[in-house]
């Protein structure tokens, strides 16, 4: 079958009980390993923002970096790493969040954004929305305007995209 007849969803595999029993892990590595699929995903992720001025794309550790950096290039924007604690070398701001299987924290350099920057927050997946909400809060605390939230996958049954929309955020995902 020609790759062009496939859908992006065909490049996502599900791994049951990873990283914990009961979790259905969505693995994006087959998509990342296919030139056609990654290019198509980037075309579709960038499309809503092509007529807007975007200063920065914020990518959350670590799978949000896989497409987030390339999305920033497509949008002629800078890229900001949002990382787990104690991974960034300079002064940081921090935000805690809940996962569907625990809690964690994210950090960003204090000087990564300027007040008034227009930003897109990107991650690979929207589950409960905790990671993206924490990243949005970091951007807002830095004085940036969050223009949109971007993700390759949305798991709407877990409610994350609804939580983001309830805050007035525009959510753009490619696969449900």
Protein backbone atom coordinates (compact mmCIF):
# COMPACT_ATOMS: atom_id res chain seq x y z
CA UNK A 1 0.00 0.00 0.00
CA UNK A 2 1.32 3.45 -0.91
CA UNK A 3 2.14 5.55 2.14
CA UNK A 4 0.02 8.43 0.76
CA UNK A 5 -3.14 6.29 1.17
CA UNK A 6 -2.44 5.87 4.87
CA UNK A 7 -3.64 8.20 7.61
CA UNK A 8 -1.47 9.68 10.36
CA UNK A 9 -3.33 7.49 12.84
CA UNK A 10 -1.87 4.45 11.06
CA UNK A 11 1.58 5.52 12.31
CA UNK A 12 0.61 5.48 16.01
CA UNK A 13 0.83 2.23 17.94
CA UNK A 14 -0.71 1.42 21.30
CA UNK A 15 1.33 -0.30 24.00
CA UNK A 16 -0.89 -1.72 26.76
CA UNK A 17 0.11 -1.45 30.44
CA UNK A 18 2.97 0.99 29.88
CA UNK A 19 4.39 2.65 31.95
CA UNK A 20 1.96 1.19 34.50
CA UNK A 21 -0.84 -1.39 34.42
CA UNK A 22 -4.04 0.06 32.98
CA UNK A 23 -2.29 2.74 30.89
CA UNK A 24 -2.62 2.49 27.11
CA UNK A 25 0.58 4.22 25.91
CA UNK A 26 0.38 5.89 22.50
CA UNK A 27 3.75 5.47 20.77
CA UNK A 28 4.56 8.12 18.14
CA UNK A 29 7.95 6.70 17.15
CA UNK A 30 6.61 4.99 13.97
CA UNK A 31 5.33 8.40 12.82
CA UNK A 32 8.63 10.06 13.64
CA UNK A 33 10.45 7.38 11.67
CA UNK A 34 8.51 7.97 8.46
CA UNK A 35 9.44 11.02 6.36
CA UNK A 36 6.01 11.30 4.73
CA UNK A 37 4.13 11.03 8.05
CA UNK A 38 6.29 13.52 9.93
CA UNK A 39 6.10 16.03 7.08
CA UNK A 40 2.31 15.67 6.83
CA UNK A 41 1.96 16.04 10.61
CA UNK A 42 4.04 19.24 10.58
CA UNK A 43 2.03 20.64 7.67
CA UNK A 44 -1.19 20.07 9.60
CA UNK A 45 0.16 21.26 12.97
CA UNK A 46 1.47 24.52 11.50
CA UNK A 47 -1.57 25.30 9.32
CA UNK A 48 -3.71 27.07 12.00
CA UNK A 49 -0.85 29.47 12.79
CA UNK A 50 0.54 30.28 9.33
CA UNK A 51 -1.20 33.69 9.15
CA UNK A 52 -0.32 34.64 12.72
CA UNK A 53 2.89 36.03 14.16
CA UNK A 54 4.23 33.42 16.60
CA UNK A 55 7.29 34.36 18.64
CA UNK A 56 7.95 31.01 20.32
CA UNK A 57 6.80 27.41 20.46
CA UNK A 58 7.04 25.79 23.89
CA UNK A 59 7.67 22.03 23.81
CA UNK A 60 7.21 19.83 26.84
CA UNK A 61 9.68 17.13 27.78
CA UNK A 62 10.42 14.99 26.02
CA UNK A 63 8.05 13.88 23.28
CA UNK A 64 6.80 17.44 22.79
CA UNK A 65 10.27 18.30 21.54
CA UNK A 66 10.10 15.74 18.72
CA UNK A 67 7.70 17.87 16.67
CA UNK A 68 7.80 21.11 18.67
CA UNK A 69 11.21 22.20 17.42
CA UNK A 70 10.29 21.45 13.82
CA UNK A 71 6.96 23.25 14.31
CA UNK A 72 8.90 26.31 15.51
CA UNK A 73 11.00 26.21 12.34
CA UNK A 74 7.87 25.98 10.18
CA UNK A 75 6.44 29.03 11.98
CA UNK A 76 9.74 30.99 11.86
CA UNK A 77 9.61 31.11 15.64
CA UNK A 78 11.99 30.34 18.46
CA UNK A 79 11.74 27.15 20.50
CA UNK A 80 11.58 26.91 24.30
CA UNK A 81 12.39 23.74 26.20
CA UNK A 82 10.03 22.97 29.07
CA UNK A 83 11.71 20.32 31.21
CA UNK A 84 11.37 18.22 34.30
CA UNK A 85 13.09 19.64 37.42
CA UNK A 86 16.82 20.20 37.65
CA UNK A 87 17.55 19.71 33.93
CA UNK A 88 17.94 23.35 32.90
CA UNK A 89 21.22 25.11 33.73
CA UNK A 90 19.98 28.66 34.52
CA UNK A 91 17.35 30.18 36.79
CA UNK A 92 13.90 28.67 36.25
CA UNK A 93 10.25 29.05 37.09
CA UNK A 94 8.32 25.92 38.00
CA UNK A 95 4.77 24.57 37.83
CA UNK A 96 3.38 21.34 39.36
CA UNK A 97 0.82 19.19 37.57
CA UNK A 98 -1.11 15.93 37.92
CA UNK A 99 -0.70 12.98 35.57
CA UNK A 100 -3.24 10.24 35.06
CA UNK A 101 -0.81 8.05 37.04
CA UNK A 102 0.90 10.47 39.49
CA UNK A 103 2.27 14.01 39.87
CA UNK A 104 5.27 15.85 38.50
CA UNK A 105 6.73 19.33 37.90
CA UNK A 106 7.91 21.29 34.90
CA UNK A 107 10.43 24.09 34.64
CA UNK A 108 11.34 26.76 32.09
CA UNK A 109 14.17 29.29 32.07
CA UNK A 110 13.04 32.60 33.56
CA UNK A 111 14.36 34.45 30.50
CA UNK A 112 12.89 32.07 27.86
CA UNK A 113 9.97 34.39 27.08
CA UNK A 114 9.43 38.13 26.93
CA UNK A 115 6.21 39.75 28.17
CA UNK A 116 3.83 39.95 25.23
CA UNK A 117 5.36 37.07 23.27
CA UNK A 118 2.80 35.16 21.19
CA UNK A 119 3.32 31.47 21.86
CA UNK A 120 2.04 28.06 20.87
CA UNK A 121 2.29 25.36 23.52
CA UNK A 122 3.00 21.93 21.99
CA UNK A 123 3.08 18.36 23.26
CA UNK A 124 2.66 15.04 21.54
CA UNK A 125 -0.52 14.06 23.37
CA UNK A 126 -3.43 15.51 25.33
CA UNK A 127 -4.58 13.09 28.02
CA UNK A 128 -5.81 14.69 31.25
CA UNK A 129 -4.28 18.00 30.16
CA UNK A 130 -2.03 18.36 33.19
CA UNK A 131 1.26 18.71 31.33
CA UNK A 132 -0.12 21.20 28.84
CA UNK A 133 -1.93 23.19 31.56
CA UNK A 134 1.32 23.47 33.53
CA UNK A 135 3.16 24.64 30.39
CA UNK A 136 0.42 27.19 29.66
CA UNK A 137 0.73 28.49 33.23
CA UNK A 138 4.50 28.84 32.85
CA UNK A 139 4.01 30.86 29.66
CA UNK A 140 1.36 33.07 31.25
CA UNK A 141 3.49 33.66 34.36
CA UNK A 142 6.24 34.89 32.03
CA UNK A 143 3.76 37.37 30.50
CA UNK A 144 3.30 35.58 27.18
CA UNK A 145 0.04 35.32 25.26
CA UNK A 146 -0.85 31.69 24.55
CA UNK A 147 -2.26 31.74 21.02
CA UNK A 148 -2.94 28.02 20.91
CA UNK A 149 -2.29 24.57 22.26
CA UNK A 150 -1.04 22.04 19.75
CA UNK A 151 -0.85 18.25 19.95
CA UNK A 152 -0.47 15.34 17.60
CA UNK A 153 -2.93 13.18 19.56
CA UNK A 154 -5.98 13.88 21.71
CA UNK A 155 -7.51 11.32 24.06
CA UNK A 156 -10.85 13.14 24.55
CA UNK A 157 -12.25 10.54 26.98
CA UNK A 158 -9.64 11.68 29.53
CA UNK A 159 -10.97 15.26 29.40
CA UNK A 160 -7.76 17.21 28.88
CA UNK A 161 -8.81 19.06 25.73
CA UNK A 162 -12.08 20.07 27.41
CA UNK A 163 -10.16 21.38 30.44
CA UNK A 164 -7.95 23.47 28.15
CA UNK A 165 -10.93 24.84 26.19
CA UNK A 166 -12.73 25.75 29.43
CA UNK A 167 -9.84 28.13 30.10
CA UNK A 168 -10.50 29.81 26.76
CA UNK A 169 -7.57 28.17 25.01
CA UNK A 170 -7.71 27.20 21.34
CA UNK A 171 -6.78 23.53 21.03
CA UNK A 172 -5.56 21.99 17.77
CA UNK A 173 -4.88 18.25 17.54
CA UNK A 174 -4.57 15.96 14.54
CA UNK A 175 -5.72 12.56 15.79
CA UNK A 176 -8.39 11.49 18.28
